[in-house]
């Protein structure tokens, strides 16, 4: 049986009852759990303990989950799963735009939560180990699959684990259309094949980081109603 003793997850929620429930179910699965009741403590624990994953509630006293996520992204690319009772799709888009890797509306079952946790950890680890071949060059874009780093025109670009996996998937299929469902299934997993809006948000975010002009992308091109094409050609 695989051991998860070395994997610590930070759970952040101002609701003590909810936090106890989340912690108990994570511990039953073998994860170590750190807890915080507000954004400031969450940021401090992230800096101090470097957890493998953060479960972050949105509605909290002081700084909310959105601002907490934004501040964590200033110094860390740890996967973040946002949990919220706010069901407006615009809130989900906002969370993804500021760097969250996934967004899960309340109420949810603990089985669903554990499944999402496992999927995020698998994808995060996959970004580190997927076909460990070192440096891969695609025109002006260089991806280091060991260090999980990216340079564009020799300038370092900071990507989240999910953004790196998305870019690597597209780059390894350069000059061909990768359909929405294929891209979602490869980069995220089978459970995300129909989540096209999630993909669009992440593509927009990725373009702001690697494109000279995100409004006129030359690397990540849209194949209308089909998917996306990665091109490393100078055109």
C-alpha atoms as a PDB file:
ATOM      1  CA  UNK A   1       0.000   0.000   0.000  1.00  0.00           C
ATOM      2  CA  UNK A   2       1.339   3.436  -0.944  1.00  0.00           C
ATOM      3  CA  UNK A   3       2.246   5.666   1.978  1.00  0.00           C
ATOM      4  CA  UNK A   4       1.260   9.327   2.057  1.00  0.00           C
ATOM      5  CA  UNK A   5       3.087  10.107   5.318  1.00  0.00           C
ATOM      6  CA  UNK A   6       5.339  12.646   3.625  1.00  0.00           C
ATOM      7  CA  UNK A   7       2.454  14.518   1.977  1.00  0.00           C
ATOM      8  CA  UNK A   8       1.099  17.453   3.967  1.00  0.00           C
ATOM      9  CA  UNK A   9      -1.970  19.403   2.943  1.00  0.00           C
ATOM     10  CA  UNK A  10      -2.918  22.844   4.247  1.00  0.00           C
ATOM     11  CA  UNK A  11      -6.668  23.213   4.846  1.00  0.00           C
ATOM     12  CA  UNK A  12      -7.928  26.782   5.273  1.00  0.00           C
ATOM     13  CA  UNK A  13     -11.472  27.553   6.469  1.00  0.00           C
ATOM     14  CA  UNK A  14     -12.836  29.923   9.093  1.00  0.00           C
ATOM     15  CA  UNK A  15     -15.615  27.412   9.898  1.00  0.00           C
ATOM     16  CA  UNK A  16     -14.131  25.251  12.654  1.00  0.00           C
ATOM     17  CA  UNK A  17     -16.673  22.451  12.166  1.00  0.00           C
ATOM     18  CA  UNK A  18     -16.004  22.273   8.424  1.00  0.00           C
ATOM     19  CA  UNK A  19     -12.256  22.394   9.025  1.00  0.00           C
ATOM     20  CA  UNK A  20     -12.436  19.480  11.479  1.00  0.00           C
ATOM     21  CA  UNK A  21     -14.432  17.422   8.977  1.00  0.00           C
ATOM     22  CA  UNK A  22     -12.015  18.088   6.125  1.00  0.00           C
ATOM     23  CA  UNK A  23      -9.016  17.354   8.344  1.00  0.00           C
ATOM     24  CA  UNK A  24     -10.477  14.098   9.631  1.00  0.00           C
ATOM     25  CA  UNK A  25     -11.163  12.727   6.164  1.00  0.00           C
ATOM     26  CA  UNK A  26      -7.726  13.724   4.879  1.00  0.00           C
ATOM     27  CA  UNK A  27      -6.066  12.083   7.874  1.00  0.00           C
ATOM     28  CA  UNK A  28      -8.076   8.895   7.307  1.00  0.00           C
ATOM     29  CA  UNK A  29      -6.554   8.791   3.828  1.00  0.00           C
ATOM     30  CA  UNK A  30      -3.063   9.030   5.312  1.00  0.00           C
ATOM     31  CA  UNK A  31      -2.287  12.692   4.617  1.00  0.00           C
ATOM     32  CA  UNK A  32      -0.691  14.996   7.146  1.00  0.00           C
ATOM     33  CA  UNK A  33      -2.878  18.060   7.702  1.00  0.00           C
ATOM     34  CA  UNK A  34      -2.030  21.649   8.582  1.00  0.00           C
ATOM     35  CA  UNK A  35      -4.909  24.005   9.341  1.00  0.00           C
ATOM     36  CA  UNK A  36      -5.512  27.744   9.288  1.00  0.00           C
ATOM     37  CA  UNK A  37      -8.624  29.788  10.074  1.00  0.00           C
ATOM     38  CA  UNK A  38      -7.731  32.912   8.078  1.00  0.00           C
ATOM     39  CA  UNK A  39      -5.705  34.094   5.113  1.00  0.00           C
ATOM     40  CA  UNK A  40      -2.816  35.605   7.033  1.00  0.00           C
ATOM     41  CA  UNK A  41      -2.138  32.340   8.879  1.00  0.00           C
ATOM     42  CA  UNK A  42      -2.469  30.413   5.613  1.00  0.00           C
ATOM     43  CA  UNK A  43       0.189  32.577   3.968  1.00  0.00           C
ATOM     44  CA  UNK A  44       2.504  32.178   6.949  1.00  0.00           C
ATOM     45  CA  UNK A  45       2.113  28.391   7.048  1.00  0.00           C
ATOM     46  CA  UNK A  46       2.671  28.157   3.306  1.00  0.00           C
ATOM     47  CA  UNK A  47       5.966  30.014   3.625  1.00  0.00           C
ATOM     48  CA  UNK A  48       7.057  28.038   6.667  1.00  0.00           C
ATOM     49  CA  UNK A  49       5.905  24.504   5.848  1.00  0.00           C
ATOM     50  CA  UNK A  50       5.686  24.308   2.022  1.00  0.00           C
ATOM     51  CA  UNK A  51       2.663  21.953   1.879  1.00  0.00           C
ATOM     52  CA  UNK A  52       2.035  19.768  -1.169  1.00  0.00           C
ATOM     53  CA  UNK A  53      -1.476  21.198  -1.693  1.00  0.00           C
ATOM     54  CA  UNK A  54      -3.698  23.956  -0.297  1.00  0.00           C
ATOM     55  CA  UNK A  55      -7.467  23.669   0.215  1.00  0.00           C
ATOM     56  CA  UNK A  56      -8.607  27.268   0.426  1.00  0.00           C
ATOM     57  CA  UNK A  57     -12.025  28.556   1.426  1.00  0.00           C
ATOM     58  CA  UNK A  58     -13.115  31.790  -0.240  1.00  0.00           C
ATOM     59  CA  UNK A  59     -15.203  33.523   2.434  1.00  0.00           C
ATOM     60  CA  UNK A  60     -13.004  34.311   5.436  1.00  0.00           C
ATOM     61  CA  UNK A  61     -12.516  37.234   7.811  1.00  0.00           C
ATOM     62  CA  UNK A  62      -9.769  39.706   6.982  1.00  0.00           C
ATOM     63  CA  UNK A  63      -8.359  38.865   3.566  1.00  0.00           C
ATOM     64  CA  UNK A  64     -10.611  36.497   1.640  1.00  0.00           C
ATOM     65  CA  UNK A  65      -9.593  33.401  -0.286  1.00  0.00           C
ATOM     66  CA  UNK A  66      -9.124  35.248  -3.568  1.00  0.00           C
ATOM     67  CA  UNK A  67      -6.638  37.687  -2.048  1.00  0.00           C
ATOM     68  CA  UNK A  68      -4.955  34.879  -0.098  1.00  0.00           C
ATOM     69  CA  UNK A  69      -4.509  32.921  -3.324  1.00  0.00           C
ATOM     70  CA  UNK A  70      -3.112  35.967  -5.105  1.00  0.00           C
ATOM     71  CA  UNK A  71      -0.574  36.616  -2.338  1.00  0.00           C
ATOM     72  CA  UNK A  72       0.525  32.978  -2.221  1.00  0.00           C
ATOM     73  CA  UNK A  73       1.049  33.041  -5.974  1.00  0.00           C
ATOM     74  CA  UNK A  74       3.526  35.894  -5.464  1.00  0.00           C
ATOM     75  CA  UNK A  75       5.989  33.401  -3.963  1.00  0.00           C
ATOM     76  CA  UNK A  76       4.723  29.845  -4.486  1.00  0.00           C
ATOM     77  CA  UNK A  77       3.285  27.582  -7.174  1.00  0.00           C
ATOM     78  CA  UNK A  78       1.840  25.003  -4.792  1.00  0.00           C
ATOM     79  CA  UNK A  79      -1.430  23.598  -6.214  1.00  0.00           C
ATOM     80  CA  UNK A  80      -4.477  25.402  -4.787  1.00  0.00           C
ATOM     81  CA  UNK A  81      -8.007  23.990  -4.697  1.00  0.00           C
ATOM     82  CA  UNK A  82     -10.527  26.692  -3.811  1.00  0.00           C
ATOM     83  CA  UNK A  83     -13.654  25.674  -1.875  1.00  0.00           C
ATOM     84  CA  UNK A  84     -16.675  27.943  -1.782  1.00  0.00           C
ATOM     85  CA  UNK A  85     -20.416  28.235  -1.377  1.00  0.00           C
ATOM     86  CA  UNK A  86     -20.403  31.029  -3.967  1.00  0.00           C
ATOM     87  CA  UNK A  87     -21.900  29.469  -7.094  1.00  0.00           C
ATOM     88  CA  UNK A  88     -21.588  32.356  -9.541  1.00  0.00           C
ATOM     89  CA  UNK A  89     -19.497  31.137 -12.524  1.00  0.00           C
ATOM     90  CA  UNK A  90     -17.750  34.515 -12.514  1.00  0.00           C
ATOM     91  CA  UNK A  91     -16.284  33.698  -9.109  1.00  0.00           C
ATOM     92  CA  UNK A  92     -14.844  30.481 -10.489  1.00  0.00           C
ATOM     93  CA  UNK A  93     -13.285  32.346 -13.399  1.00  0.00           C
ATOM     94  CA  UNK A  94     -11.883  34.906 -10.967  1.00  0.00           C
ATOM     95  CA  UNK A  95     -10.299  32.169  -8.863  1.00  0.00           C
ATOM     96  CA  UNK A  96      -8.704  30.505 -11.874  1.00  0.00           C
ATOM     97  CA  UNK A  97      -7.467  33.837 -13.207  1.00  0.00           C
ATOM     98  CA  UNK A  98      -5.550  34.626 -10.023  1.00  0.00           C
ATOM     99  CA  UNK A  99      -3.832  31.254  -9.990  1.00  0.00           C
ATOM    100  CA  UNK A 100      -6.081  28.594  -8.436  1.00  0.00           C
ATOM    101  CA  UNK A 101      -5.643  25.164 -10.010  1.00  0.00           C
ATOM    102  CA  UNK A 102      -9.176  23.941  -9.345  1.00  0.00           C
ATOM    103  CA  UNK A 103     -12.416  25.283  -7.909  1.00  0.00           C
ATOM    104  CA  UNK A 104     -14.957  23.163  -6.038  1.00  0.00           C
ATOM    105  CA  UNK A 105     -18.398  24.507  -5.027  1.00  0.00           C
ATOM    106  CA  UNK A 106     -19.992  23.663  -1.694  1.00  0.00           C
ATOM    107  CA  UNK A 107     -21.658  21.488  -0.639  1.00  0.00           C
ATOM    108  CA  UNK A 108     -19.497  18.561  -1.695  1.00  0.00           C
ATOM    109  CA  UNK A 109     -19.058  15.016  -0.485  1.00  0.00           C
ATOM    110  CA  UNK A 110     -15.841  14.055   1.208  1.00  0.00           C
ATOM    111  CA  UNK A 111     -15.345  11.317  -1.392  1.00  0.00           C
ATOM    112  CA  UNK A 112     -15.421  13.983  -4.101  1.00  0.00           C
ATOM    113  CA  UNK A 113     -12.963  16.127  -2.154  1.00  0.00           C
ATOM    114  CA  UNK A 114     -10.520  13.234  -1.748  1.00  0.00           C
ATOM    115  CA  UNK A 115     -10.825  12.426  -5.460  1.00  0.00           C
ATOM    116  CA  UNK A 116     -10.008  16.043  -6.370  1.00  0.00           C
ATOM    117  CA  UNK A 117      -7.064  16.072  -3.937  1.00  0.00           C
ATOM    118  CA  UNK A 118      -5.626  12.905  -5.445  1.00  0.00           C
ATOM    119  CA  UNK A 119      -6.097  14.213  -8.989  1.00  0.00           C
ATOM    120  CA  UNK A 120      -4.353  17.501  -8.227  1.00  0.00           C
ATOM    121  CA  UNK A 121      -1.447  15.756  -6.515  1.00  0.00           C
ATOM    122  CA  UNK A 122      -1.084  13.325  -9.424  1.00  0.00           C
ATOM    123  CA  UNK A 123      -1.076  16.127 -11.966  1.00  0.00           C
ATOM    124  CA  UNK A 124       1.326  18.222  -9.908  1.00  0.00           C
ATOM    125  CA  UNK A 125       3.728  15.302  -9.565  1.00  0.00           C
ATOM    126  CA  UNK A 126       3.231  14.517 -13.244  1.00  0.00           C
ATOM    127  CA  UNK A 127       4.379  18.000 -14.185  1.00  0.00           C
ATOM    128  CA  UNK A 128       7.617  17.251 -12.343  1.00  0.00           C
ATOM    129  CA  UNK A 129       8.175  13.776 -13.728  1.00  0.00           C
ATOM    130  CA  UNK A 130       6.346  13.531 -17.072  1.00  0.00           C
ATOM    131  CA  UNK A 131       8.866  11.955 -19.466  1.00  0.00           C
ATOM    132  CA  UNK A 132      11.868  13.240 -17.537  1.00  0.00           C
ATOM    133  CA  UNK A 133      14.127  14.150 -20.439  1.00  0.00           C
ATOM    134  CA  UNK A 134      15.530  17.482 -19.279  1.00  0.00           C
ATOM    135  CA  UNK A 135      15.507  20.486 -21.558  1.00  0.00           C
ATOM    136  CA  UNK A 136      13.089  20.659 -24.486  1.00  0.00           C
ATOM    137  CA  UNK A 137      13.344  23.530 -26.967  1.00  0.00           C
ATOM    138  CA  UNK A 138      10.462  24.770 -29.089  1.00  0.00           C
ATOM    139  CA  UNK A 139      11.685  27.797 -31.010  1.00  0.00           C
ATOM    140  CA  UNK A 140      12.055  30.659 -28.543  1.00  0.00           C
ATOM    141  CA  UNK A 141      10.416  28.648 -25.741  1.00  0.00           C
ATOM    142  CA  UNK A 142      12.553  26.325 -23.607  1.00  0.00           C
ATOM    143  CA  UNK A 143      10.988  23.934 -21.096  1.00  0.00           C
ATOM    144  CA  UNK A 144      13.027  22.190 -18.411  1.00  0.00           C
ATOM    145  CA  UNK A 145      10.966  19.166 -17.371  1.00  0.00           C
ATOM    146  CA  UNK A 146      13.216  18.377 -14.417  1.00  0.00           C
ATOM    147  CA  UNK A 147      13.187  21.822 -12.804  1.00  0.00           C
ATOM    148  CA  UNK A 148       9.740  22.583 -14.238  1.00  0.00           C
ATOM    149  CA  UNK A 149      10.939  25.932 -15.506  1.00  0.00           C
ATOM    150  CA  UNK A 150      10.194  27.871 -18.687  1.00  0.00           C
ATOM    151  CA  UNK A 151      12.065  30.574 -20.558  1.00  0.00           C
ATOM    152  CA  UNK A 152      10.727  32.637 -23.442  1.00  0.00           C
ATOM    153  CA  UNK A 153      13.376  34.510 -25.436  1.00  0.00           C
ATOM    154  CA  UNK A 154      15.797  33.605 -22.590  1.00  0.00           C
ATOM    155  CA  UNK A 155      13.580  35.323 -20.002  1.00  0.00           C
ATOM    156  CA  UNK A 156      12.352  33.165 -17.112  1.00  0.00           C
ATOM    157  CA  UNK A 157       8.559  32.788 -16.932  1.00  0.00           C
ATOM    158  CA  UNK A 158       6.845  31.575 -13.753  1.00  0.00           C
ATOM    159  CA  UNK A 159       4.093  29.047 -14.385  1.00  0.00           C
ATOM    160  CA  UNK A 160       1.857  27.142 -11.997  1.00  0.00           C
ATOM    161  CA  UNK A 161       2.128  23.329 -12.125  1.00  0.00           C
ATOM    162  CA  UNK A 162      -1.070  23.132 -14.172  1.00  0.00           C
ATOM    163  CA  UNK A 163       0.064  25.827 -16.592  1.00  0.00           C
ATOM    164  CA  UNK A 164       3.356  24.009 -17.094  1.00  0.00           C
ATOM    165  CA  UNK A 165       1.590  20.716 -17.791  1.00  0.00           C
ATOM    166  CA  UNK A 166      -0.787  22.424 -20.230  1.00  0.00           C
ATOM    167  CA  UNK A 167       2.048  24.128 -22.108  1.00  0.00           C
ATOM    168  CA  UNK A 168       4.121  20.955 -22.221  1.00  0.00           C
ATOM    169  CA  UNK A 169       1.182  18.948 -23.556  1.00  0.00           C
ATOM    170  CA  UNK A 170       0.595  21.482 -26.331  1.00  0.00           C
ATOM    171  CA  UNK A 171       4.295  21.856 -27.159  1.00  0.00           C
ATOM    172  CA  UNK A 172       4.737  18.107 -27.522  1.00  0.00           C
ATOM    173  CA  UNK A 173       1.924  18.202 -30.079  1.00  0.00           C
ATOM    174  CA  UNK A 174       3.315  21.218 -31.914  1.00  0.00           C
ATOM    175  CA  UNK A 175       1.740  22.316 -35.187  1.00  0.00           C
ATOM    176  CA  UNK A 176      -1.334  20.131 -34.817  1.00  0.00           C
ATOM    177  CA  UNK A 177      -4.770  20.870 -33.416  1.00  0.00           C
ATOM    178  CA  UNK A 178      -5.260  19.408 -29.939  1.00  0.00           C
ATOM    179  CA  UNK A 179      -9.004  19.131 -29.337  1.00  0.00           C
ATOM    180  CA  UNK A 180     -10.619  20.488 -26.184  1.00  0.00           C
ATOM    181  CA  UNK A 181     -11.513  17.068 -24.810  1.00  0.00           C
ATOM    182  CA  UNK A 182      -8.140  15.549 -25.673  1.00  0.00           C
ATOM    183  CA  UNK A 183      -6.278  18.453 -24.078  1.00  0.00           C
ATOM    184  CA  UNK A 184      -8.429  18.433 -20.943  1.00  0.00           C
ATOM    185  CA  UNK A 185      -8.121  14.683 -20.603  1.00  0.00           C
ATOM    186  CA  UNK A 186      -4.346  14.696 -21.063  1.00  0.00           C
ATOM    187  CA  UNK A 187      -3.466  17.762 -19.016  1.00  0.00           C
ATOM    188  CA  UNK A 188      -6.114  17.488 -16.290  1.00  0.00           C
ATOM    189  CA  UNK A 189      -7.613  14.002 -16.342  1.00  0.00           C
ATOM    190  CA  UNK A 190     -10.722  12.155 -17.642  1.00  0.00           C
ATOM    191  CA  UNK A 191     -13.040  13.896 -15.169  1.00  0.00           C
ATOM    192  CA  UNK A 192     -12.365  17.270 -16.820  1.00  0.00           C
ATOM    193  CA  UNK A 193     -13.058  16.422 -20.479  1.00  0.00           C
ATOM    194  CA  UNK A 194     -16.172  18.618 -20.633  1.00  0.00           C
ATOM    195  CA  UNK A 195     -14.797  21.576 -18.644  1.00  0.00           C
ATOM    196  CA  UNK A 196     -14.028  23.766 -21.661  1.00  0.00           C
ATOM    197  CA  UNK A 197     -14.452  27.046 -19.756  1.00  0.00           C
ATOM    198  CA  UNK A 198     -11.749  25.939 -17.298  1.00  0.00           C
ATOM    199  CA  UNK A 199      -9.442  25.328 -20.255  1.00  0.00           C
ATOM    200  CA  UNK A 200     -10.218  28.711 -21.823  1.00  0.00           C
ATOM    201  CA  UNK A 201      -9.397  30.526 -18.591  1.00  0.00           C
ATOM    202  CA  UNK A 202      -6.075  28.705 -18.260  1.00  0.00           C
ATOM    203  CA  UNK A 203      -5.166  29.370 -21.894  1.00  0.00           C
ATOM    204  CA  UNK A 204      -5.872  33.089 -21.411  1.00  0.00           C
ATOM    205  CA  UNK A 205      -3.724  33.115 -18.272  1.00  0.00           C
ATOM    206  CA  UNK A 206      -0.918  31.228 -20.014  1.00  0.00           C
ATOM    207  CA  UNK A 207      -0.986  33.619 -22.974  1.00  0.00           C
ATOM    208  CA  UNK A 208      -0.477  36.612 -20.677  1.00  0.00           C
ATOM    209  CA  UNK A 209       2.742  34.972 -19.481  1.00  0.00           C
ATOM    210  CA  UNK A 210       4.348  33.721 -22.699  1.00  0.00           C
ATOM    211  CA  UNK A 211       2.930  35.775 -25.562  1.00  0.00           C
ATOM    212  CA  UNK A 212       4.500  39.089 -26.666  1.00  0.00           C
ATOM    213  CA  UNK A 213       0.935  40.266 -27.354  1.00  0.00           C
ATOM    214  CA  UNK A 214      -1.739  38.047 -25.716  1.00  0.00           C
ATOM    215  CA  UNK A 215      -4.434  39.633 -27.885  1.00  0.00           C
ATOM    216  CA  UNK A 216      -2.585  38.405 -31.008  1.00  0.00           C
ATOM    217  CA  UNK A 217      -1.113  35.076 -29.881  1.00  0.00           C
ATOM    218  CA  UNK A 218       1.638  33.537 -31.962  1.00  0.00           C
ATOM    219  CA  UNK A 219       2.456  30.507 -29.791  1.00  0.00           C
ATOM    220  CA  UNK A 220      -0.944  29.391 -28.499  1.00  0.00           C
ATOM    221  CA  UNK A 221      -3.384  29.727 -31.360  1.00  0.00           C
ATOM    222  CA  UNK A 222      -7.087  28.967 -31.288  1.00  0.00           C
ATOM    223  CA  UNK A 223      -8.582  26.461 -33.697  1.00  0.00           C
ATOM    224  CA  UNK A 224     -12.135  27.738 -33.627  1.00  0.00           C
ATOM    225  CA  UNK A 225     -14.621  25.255 -32.129  1.00  0.00           C
ATOM    226  CA  UNK A 226     -11.929  22.571 -32.180  1.00  0.00           C
ATOM    227  CA  UNK A 227      -9.116  23.267 -29.717  1.00  0.00           C
ATOM    228  CA  UNK A 228      -5.661  24.855 -29.710  1.00  0.00           C
ATOM    229  CA  UNK A 229      -2.441  24.716 -31.719  1.00  0.00           C
ATOM    230  CA  UNK A 230       1.030  25.325 -30.333  1.00  0.00           C
ATOM    231  CA  UNK A 231       3.353  26.881 -32.911  1.00  0.00           C
ATOM    232  CA  UNK A 232       7.023  27.664 -32.408  1.00  0.00           C
ATOM    233  CA  UNK A 233       7.437  29.173 -35.860  1.00  0.00           C
ATOM    234  CA  UNK A 234       8.348  32.835 -36.284  1.00  0.00           C
ATOM    235  CA  UNK A 235       5.343  34.136 -38.166  1.00  0.00           C
END
